Amino acid sequence: MNRPTTVGTTNETPPSGHPGRGPGLRLGLFAPFALLLLLALAWSAGWFWLRGKAEGEIGAWFAREAQAGRQWTCKDRSLTGFPFRFELRCTDLAFARSDVRFTTGPVVAVAQVYQPRHVILEATGPFRVQQGGLEANVTWSQLEASVHATSDGFQRASVVADGLKGAVTGADPSPIDFTVGHLELHARPTPGRFATDGAIDLSARVLQAGLPLLDPVLGGTEPADIALDATVTRAAAFRTRTLAQELERWREAGGTVEIASLAAEKGSRRLRAQGVLALDDQHRPTGQLDVRTAGLEQVIAPLISEQLGARLGGDGAALIGNIVGQFLGGRRKEPAPGAGPSQDRSQDRPGEPPLKVLPTVRLTGGRVVVGPFAVPNVRLQPLY
């Protein structure tokens, strides 16, 4: 007896060889999202833990400063920035010490979680500082600072500001008004000298600076541009003690300011200088500078005439003053052997007076001496 054979389609479904594969695939689709959620929860927990630790460190630092006689006040202090950075905010910041006090407007300090030793600070004016009988008030349109800290100091520190306006009261004459269009200050440990000499490189740029008090002396109201590159030795031990204590420690340690380049321009008047400065035992600036100038003859001549006036009489003093002024402002630096005219005139500009060499400028005994002549009516006062 023959059995019937089924040909064609059938409604019966053959058994699967992988009974758990379908549900497993669906769970696998959610695995990356679950892992991401776990990472987010771990990151959040870590950030809040770090914030708590940072708040404790900040509070402890304020307490240590207060015990040392330095009182910091960060009004309405908050620490935010979740999830990738920390932002320390103060609605205003104040500092008080026995010799100085200051206040400023809102301050924000920011550090990334992955780079906590690089701190960027933004501050809003006005800035008010009092020291002794002097008081200064300064405003600006923008001010930022940054610090790259290390375990034993810092790698670099910078301050950049625009639209500075200020006044100093309590001085004679008073007030002393000033403006600065743009300001940059940079500092770093001097490569190869920081460990041995405690040396720090400083670089400053001041653009469109105005100081009306000096305009009559310098013969013009044009704004000035100033650039300074210098190295300060024995500076690694600077702390936050009083200014007098810090300067005296620096002086006793043999600290110096090595001016590699000082350049100042005010209209057609220009000055270039380099040299070394320090403090004498009376706490006054001392040292000497090699100076080149252009367009300053009208400033030098009256100073010499005033010094000689009591000795030679008005007409004679004026005549000699003009001669000496032209001499001091007219000595051209002789080119070094083998140096061509282009090297000698590398700082000159077409259509402007060339830079000319002054006799060595010395700061000694509280006086400013240019060659054989002491600048009259100029006395260097002790800094502390």
Protein backbone atom coordinates (compact mmCIF):
# COMPACT_ATOMS: atom_id res chain seq x y z
CA MET A 1 0.00 0.00 0.00
CA ASN A 2 1.49 3.29 -1.17
CA ARG A 3 1.61 6.29 1.21
CA PRO A 4 0.52 9.65 -0.24
CA THR A 5 3.26 12.19 -0.87
CA THR A 6 2.69 15.89 -0.15
CA VAL A 7 3.78 18.19 -2.92
CA GLY A 8 3.78 22.02 -2.80
CA THR A 9 3.50 24.42 0.09
CA THR A 10 2.44 23.55 3.61
CA ASN A 11 1.29 25.57 6.56
CA GLU A 12 3.58 23.79 9.00
CA THR A 13 6.66 25.80 10.17
CA PRO A 14 9.85 23.81 10.63
CA PRO A 15 11.41 24.04 14.10
CA SER A 16 14.11 26.68 14.49
CA GLY A 17 17.68 25.60 15.02
CA HIS A 18 18.36 28.74 17.28
CA PRO A 19 15.48 29.03 19.72
CA GLY A 20 16.95 32.08 21.73
CA ARG A 21 18.40 34.22 18.92
CA GLY A 22 15.54 36.69 18.41
CA PRO A 23 15.26 37.96 22.02
CA GLY A 24 19.07 38.06 22.32
CA LEU A 25 19.41 40.38 19.37
CA ARG A 26 16.87 42.76 20.85
CA LEU A 27 18.79 42.93 24.16
CA GLY A 28 22.03 43.54 22.28
CA LEU A 29 20.58 46.65 20.66
CA PHE A 30 20.08 48.26 24.07
CA ALA A 31 23.49 47.33 25.47
CA PRO A 32 25.36 50.44 24.14
CA PHE A 33 22.68 52.74 25.54
CA ALA A 34 22.85 51.03 28.91
CA LEU A 35 26.64 51.35 28.93
CA LEU A 36 26.38 55.04 28.01
CA LEU A 37 23.91 55.59 30.83
CA LEU A 38 26.23 53.91 33.29
CA LEU A 39 29.14 56.08 32.11
CA ALA A 40 27.02 59.23 32.44
CA LEU A 41 26.01 58.26 35.96
CA ALA A 42 29.62 57.50 36.90
CA TRP A 43 30.82 60.81 35.38
CA SER A 44 28.12 62.76 37.21
CA ALA A 45 28.96 61.09 40.50
CA GLY A 46 32.66 61.78 39.93
CA TRP A 47 32.05 65.45 39.06
CA PHE A 48 29.96 66.08 42.17
CA TRP A 49 32.57 64.27 44.28
CA LEU A 50 35.33 66.45 42.81
CA ARG A 51 33.23 69.56 43.35
CA GLY A 52 32.81 68.68 47.02
CA LYS A 53 36.55 68.11 47.35
CA ALA A 54 37.32 71.40 45.54
CA GLU A 55 34.93 73.33 47.78
CA GLY A 56 36.68 71.89 50.81
CA GLU A 57 40.11 72.87 49.44
CA ILE A 58 38.93 76.40 48.61
CA GLY A 59 37.45 76.86 52.06
CA ALA A 60 40.65 75.57 53.69
CA TRP A 61 42.74 77.96 51.57
CA PHE A 62 40.63 80.95 52.63
CA ALA A 63 41.07 79.85 56.26
CA ARG A 64 44.86 79.55 55.92
CA GLU A 65 45.05 82.98 54.30
CA ALA A 66 43.01 84.51 57.14
CA GLN A 67 45.33 82.96 59.72
CA ALA A 68 48.29 84.54 57.89
CA GLY A 69 46.69 87.98 58.09
CA ARG A 70 45.33 88.05 54.54
CA GLN A 71 41.55 88.31 54.47
CA TRP A 72 39.82 87.30 51.23
CA THR A 73 36.08 87.78 50.78
CA CYS A 74 34.28 86.09 47.86
CA LYS A 75 30.69 87.30 48.08
CA ASP A 76 27.96 84.80 47.09
CA ARG A 77 30.59 82.19 46.26
CA SER A 78 29.41 79.34 44.03
CA LEU A 79 31.08 76.44 42.25
CA THR A 80 29.30 75.24 39.09
CA GLY A 81 30.22 74.15 35.55
CA PHE A 82 28.76 70.64 35.27
CA PRO A 83 29.57 68.47 33.38
CA PHE A 84 33.03 69.28 31.92
CA ARG A 85 34.48 72.17 33.94
CA PHE A 86 34.48 74.00 37.25
CA GLU A 87 33.44 77.66 37.51
CA LEU A 88 34.13 79.54 40.72
CA ARG A 89 32.03 82.72 40.84
CA CYS A 90 32.07 85.71 43.17
CA THR A 91 29.65 88.61 42.81
CA ASP A 92 32.53 90.73 44.10
CA LEU A 93 36.00 89.98 45.47
CA ALA A 94 37.76 91.82 48.31
CA PHE A 95 41.22 91.51 49.87
CA ALA A 96 42.53 93.13 53.03
CA ARG A 97 45.97 93.06 54.65
CA SER A 98 47.70 95.35 57.10
CA ASP A 99 49.35 97.40 54.34
CA VAL A 100 46.89 97.17 51.43
CA ARG A 101 43.27 96.44 50.57
CA PHE A 102 41.37 96.18 47.30
CA THR A 103 37.95 95.33 45.89
CA THR A 104 36.70 94.46 42.43
CA GLY A 105 33.45 93.54 40.72
CA PRO A 106 32.24 90.08 39.65
CA VAL A 107 34.97 87.47 39.14
CA VAL A 108 34.77 84.08 37.38
CA ALA A 109 37.58 81.50 37.50
CA VAL A 110 37.24 78.52 35.13
CA ALA A 111 39.18 75.24 34.91
CA GLN A 112 38.43 72.21 32.73
CA VAL A 113 37.95 68.88 34.52
CA TYR A 114 40.63 67.26 32.36
CA GLN A 115 43.08 70.21 32.83
CA PRO A 116 42.52 71.50 36.37
CA ARG A 117 45.87 73.32 36.63
CA HIS A 118 45.05 75.69 33.78
CA VAL A 119 42.84 78.39 35.27
CA ILE A 120 41.26 81.23 33.26
CA LEU A 121 39.93 84.23 35.15
CA GLU A 122 37.60 87.00 34.01
CA ALA A 123 37.05 90.09 36.15
CA THR A 124 34.70 93.06 35.92
CA GLY A 125 35.52 96.46 37.38
CA PRO A 126 35.69 98.76 39.08
CA PHE A 127 38.94 97.91 40.86
CA ARG A 128 39.71 99.99 43.96
CA VAL A 129 42.98 99.70 45.86
CA GLN A 130 44.27 101.54 48.94
CA GLN A 131 47.84 101.50 50.18
CA GLY A 132 49.23 103.98 52.66
CA GLY A 133 47.83 107.36 51.73
CA LEU A 134 47.29 106.44 48.10
CA GLU A 135 44.06 105.27 46.50
CA ALA A 136 43.49 104.15 42.92
CA ASN A 137 40.28 103.49 41.00
CA VAL A 138 40.46 101.59 37.71
CA THR A 139 37.84 100.43 35.21
CA TRP A 140 38.17 98.45 31.98
CA SER A 141 36.10 97.08 29.13
CA GLN A 142 37.59 93.57 29.30
CA LEU A 143 40.13 91.81 31.53
CA GLU A 144 41.24 88.19 31.40
CA ALA A 145 44.02 86.31 33.17
CA SER A 146 45.33 82.76 32.91
CA VAL A 147 47.68 80.64 34.99
CA HIS A 148 49.31 77.32 34.05
CA ALA A 149 50.18 75.92 37.46
CA THR A 150 52.58 73.07 38.24
CA SER A 151 53.19 70.98 41.32
CA ASP A 152 56.04 73.27 42.43
CA GLY A 153 55.10 76.64 40.94
CA PHE A 154 53.81 77.81 37.59
CA GLN A 155 54.58 77.36 33.92
CA ARG A 156 53.12 80.61 32.62
CA ALA A 157 50.91 83.46 33.81
CA SER A 158 49.26 86.15 31.69
CA VAL A 159 46.99 89.17 32.04
CA VAL A 160 45.29 90.91 29.09
CA ALA A 161 43.09 94.01 29.44
CA ASP A 162 41.44 96.53 27.14
CA GLY A 163 40.03 100.01 27.72
CA LEU A 164 41.71 100.77 31.04
CA LYS A 165 40.89 104.09 32.70
CA GLY A 166 42.01 105.11 36.16
CA ALA A 167 43.02 107.78 38.64
CA VAL A 168 45.38 107.84 41.62
CA THR A 169 44.57 110.16 44.51
CA GLY A 170 46.60 111.04 47.59
CA ALA A 171 49.77 111.80 45.61
CA ASP A 172 51.25 115.23 44.92
CA PRO A 173 49.95 116.44 42.53
CA SER A 174 46.60 114.70 42.71
CA PRO A 175 44.73 113.17 41.01
CA ILE A 176 46.96 111.39 38.51
CA ASP A 177 44.74 110.29 35.62
CA PHE A 178 45.77 107.64 33.11
CA THR A 179 44.33 105.60 30.25
CA VAL A 180 45.54 102.46 28.46
CA GLY A 181 44.04 101.14 25.24
CA HIS A 182 45.52 97.65 25.51
CA LEU A 183 47.67 95.95 28.14
CA GLU A 184 49.44 92.58 28.13
CA LEU A 185 51.57 91.10 30.92
CA HIS A 186 53.24 87.69 30.68
CA ALA A 187 55.54 85.82 33.07
CA ARG A 188 57.32 82.47 32.97
CA PRO A 189 60.23 80.78 34.75
CA THR A 190 63.45 81.56 32.89
CA PRO A 191 64.65 78.40 31.11
CA GLY A 192 67.95 77.24 32.62
CA ARG A 193 68.00 79.91 35.34
CA PHE A 194 64.89 79.37 37.43
CA ALA A 195 66.37 76.59 39.57
CA THR A 196 69.71 78.36 40.15
CA ASP A 197 68.85 82.10 40.13
CA GLY A 198 65.11 82.02 40.82
CA ALA A 199 64.80 84.01 37.57
CA ILE A 200 61.46 84.87 35.96
CA ASP A 201 61.01 86.35 32.48
CA LEU A 202 58.59 89.26 32.19
CA SER A 203 57.07 90.70 29.04
CA ALA A 204 54.79 93.74 28.99
CA ARG A 205 53.04 95.56 26.16
CA VAL A 206 51.19 98.84 26.70
CA LEU A 207 49.40 100.44 23.74
CA GLN A 208 47.76 103.86 23.48
CA ALA A 209 48.73 104.92 27.01
CA GLY A 210 47.93 108.41 28.21
CA LEU A 211 49.35 110.22 31.26
CA PRO A 212 48.39 113.92 31.01
CA LEU A 213 50.68 114.81 33.92
CA LEU A 214 53.76 114.14 31.75
CA ASP A 215 52.49 115.72 28.54
CA PRO A 216 53.95 119.19 29.27
CA VAL A 217 57.35 117.69 30.10
CA LEU A 218 57.47 115.44 27.03
CA GLY A 219 56.10 118.12 24.72
CA GLY A 220 53.00 116.45 23.29
CA THR A 221 49.63 114.91 24.06
CA GLU A 222 49.98 111.88 21.79
CA PRO A 223 49.39 108.47 23.41
CA ALA A 224 52.44 106.33 24.11
CA ASP A 225 53.29 102.73 23.24
CA ILE A 226 55.63 100.85 25.58
CA ALA A 227 57.20 97.40 25.27
CA LEU A 228 59.35 95.76 27.95
CA ASP A 229 61.20 92.45 28.04
CA ALA A 230 63.09 91.78 31.26
CA THR A 231 64.28 89.09 33.64
CA VAL A 232 63.88 89.40 37.41
CA THR A 233 66.35 87.34 39.43
CA ARG A 234 65.74 86.01 42.95
CA ALA A 235 62.00 86.20 42.28
CA ALA A 236 61.08 82.56 42.89
CA ALA A 237 60.65 83.17 46.63
CA PHE A 238 58.01 85.90 46.20
CA ARG A 239 54.98 85.12 48.34
CA THR A 240 52.06 87.21 49.58
CA ARG A 241 53.81 88.99 52.42
CA THR A 242 53.69 92.77 52.68
CA LEU A 243 55.29 94.70 49.85
CA ALA A 244 58.03 96.06 52.11
CA GLN A 245 58.91 92.56 53.35
CA GLU A 246 58.99 91.12 49.84
CA LEU A 247 61.18 93.91 48.44
CA GLU A 248 63.58 93.78 51.37
CA ARG A 249 63.96 90.01 51.05
CA TRP A 250 64.54 90.45 47.31
CA ARG A 251 67.13 93.22 47.87
CA GLU A 252 69.03 91.26 50.51
CA ALA A 253 69.11 88.22 48.21
CA GLY A 254 70.80 90.33 45.51
CA GLY A 255 67.82 90.50 43.19
CA THR A 256 68.12 92.45 39.96
CA VAL A 257 65.97 93.50 37.03
CA GLU A 258 67.80 92.73 33.80
CA ILE A 259 66.19 94.86 31.10
CA ALA A 260 66.82 93.17 27.77
CA SER A 261 64.70 95.68 25.85
CA LEU A 262 62.66 98.74 26.76
CA ALA A 263 61.02 100.58 23.88
CA ALA A 264 58.80 103.65 24.24
CA GLU A 265 57.21 105.84 21.57
CA LYS A 266 55.15 109.00 21.94
CA GLY A 267 54.47 110.74 18.66
CA SER A 268 57.83 111.45 17.01
CA ARG A 269 59.71 110.90 20.28
CA ARG A 270 61.26 107.47 20.70
CA LEU A 271 63.42 105.76 23.29
CA ARG A 272 65.23 102.43 23.45
CA ALA A 273 67.04 101.21 26.57
CA GLN A 274 68.66 98.19 28.15
CA GLY A 275 70.55 97.67 31.38
CA VAL A 276 70.37 96.35 34.93
CA LEU A 277 68.54 97.83 37.93
CA ALA A 278 68.40 96.92 41.62
CA LEU A 279 67.74 98.54 45.02
CA ASP A 280 70.39 100.25 47.15
CA ASP A 281 70.66 100.09 50.93
CA GLN A 282 68.31 103.10 51.18
CA HIS A 283 65.70 101.14 49.18
CA ARG A 284 66.06 103.41 46.13
CA PRO A 285 66.44 102.26 42.50
CA THR A 286 70.07 101.96 41.42
CA GLY A 287 71.85 100.78 38.28
CA GLN A 288 72.63 101.97 34.79
CA LEU A 289 71.00 101.99 31.37
CA ASP A 290 72.25 102.26 27.81
CA VAL A 291 69.81 104.59 26.07
CA ARG A 292 69.09 105.66 22.51
CA THR A 293 66.60 108.38 21.72
CA ALA A 294 65.06 110.32 18.88
CA GLY A 295 63.23 113.64 19.10
CA LEU A 296 64.01 114.24 22.79
CA GLU A 297 66.41 117.15 22.38
CA GLN A 298 63.68 119.61 23.36
CA VAL A 299 63.23 117.67 26.60
CA ILE A 300 66.93 117.31 27.46
CA ALA A 301 68.02 120.91 26.77
CA PRO A 302 65.72 122.60 29.35
CA LEU A 303 66.84 120.15 32.03
CA ILE A 304 70.49 120.98 31.44
CA SER A 305 69.74 124.71 31.23
CA GLU A 306 67.97 124.58 34.59
CA GLN A 307 70.92 122.90 36.26
CA LEU A 308 73.43 125.37 34.84
CA GLY A 309 71.26 128.44 35.32
CA ALA A 310 72.42 129.18 38.86
CA ARG A 311 76.08 128.98 37.79
CA LEU A 312 76.20 130.78 34.45
CA GLY A 313 73.10 132.94 34.31
CA GLY A 314 69.99 132.56 32.19
CA ASP A 315 71.39 133.37 28.71
CA GLY A 316 74.56 131.36 29.16
CA ALA A 317 72.70 128.44 30.62
CA ALA A 318 70.17 128.41 27.78
CA LEU A 319 72.94 128.49 25.18
CA ILE A 320 74.94 125.72 26.79
CA GLY A 321 71.77 123.75 27.48
CA ASN A 322 70.85 123.83 23.79
CA ILE A 323 74.35 122.79 22.78
CA VAL A 324 74.47 119.98 25.30
CA GLY A 325 70.95 118.92 24.39
CA GLN A 326 71.92 118.62 20.74
CA PHE A 327 75.07 116.76 21.80
CA LEU A 328 73.22 114.32 24.03
CA GLY A 329 70.49 113.80 21.49
CA GLY A 330 72.80 113.90 18.50
CA ARG A 331 75.54 111.38 19.14
CA ARG A 332 75.20 108.69 16.55
CA LYS A 333 76.28 105.20 17.46
CA GLU A 334 79.30 104.22 15.42
CA PRO A 335 78.75 101.00 13.52
CA ALA A 336 80.73 98.00 14.67
CA PRO A 337 83.67 97.00 12.45
CA GLY A 338 82.30 95.22 9.43
CA ALA A 339 78.74 96.37 10.04
CA GLY A 340 77.05 98.07 7.16
CA PRO A 341 74.73 101.10 7.23
CA SER A 342 71.66 98.86 7.18
CA GLN A 343 72.67 97.30 10.50
CA ASP A 344 73.40 100.68 12.07
CA ARG A 345 70.01 102.01 11.03
CA SER A 346 67.96 98.90 11.75
CA GLN A 347 65.80 100.80 14.28
CA ASP A 348 65.42 103.94 12.14
CA ARG A 349 62.28 104.71 10.15
CA PRO A 350 61.96 106.56 6.88
CA GLY A 351 60.91 110.17 7.44
CA GLU A 352 61.56 110.08 11.21
CA PRO A 353 64.59 111.22 13.24
CA PRO A 354 67.17 108.44 13.64
CA LEU A 355 67.87 106.91 17.03
CA LYS A 356 70.95 108.40 18.64
CA VAL A 357 73.05 107.31 21.58
CA LEU A 358 72.95 109.07 24.96
CA PRO A 359 75.75 108.86 27.48
CA THR A 360 75.17 106.12 30.02
CA VAL A 361 72.24 106.89 32.30
CA ARG A 362 73.06 106.05 35.93
CA LEU A 363 70.75 105.84 38.91
CA THR A 364 72.97 106.41 41.91
CA GLY A 365 72.58 107.95 45.34
CA GLY A 366 68.97 108.86 44.63
CA ARG A 367 69.90 110.89 41.53
CA VAL A 368 69.51 110.35 37.79
CA VAL A 369 72.81 111.13 36.06
CA VAL A 370 73.14 111.43 32.27
CA GLY A 371 76.81 111.37 31.40
CA PRO A 372 78.37 114.03 33.68
CA PHE A 373 75.08 115.83 34.33
CA ALA A 374 72.64 115.06 37.15
CA VAL A 375 69.04 115.70 36.14
CA PRO A 376 67.89 118.65 38.30
CA ASN A 377 64.91 118.47 40.64
CA VAL A 378 64.68 114.69 40.25
CA ARG A 379 65.16 112.70 43.44
CA LEU A 380 64.56 108.96 43.56
CA GLN A 381 62.56 108.19 46.67
CA PRO A 382 62.76 104.95 48.69
CA LEU A 383 60.21 102.43 47.43
CA TYR A 384 59.36 101.27 50.95
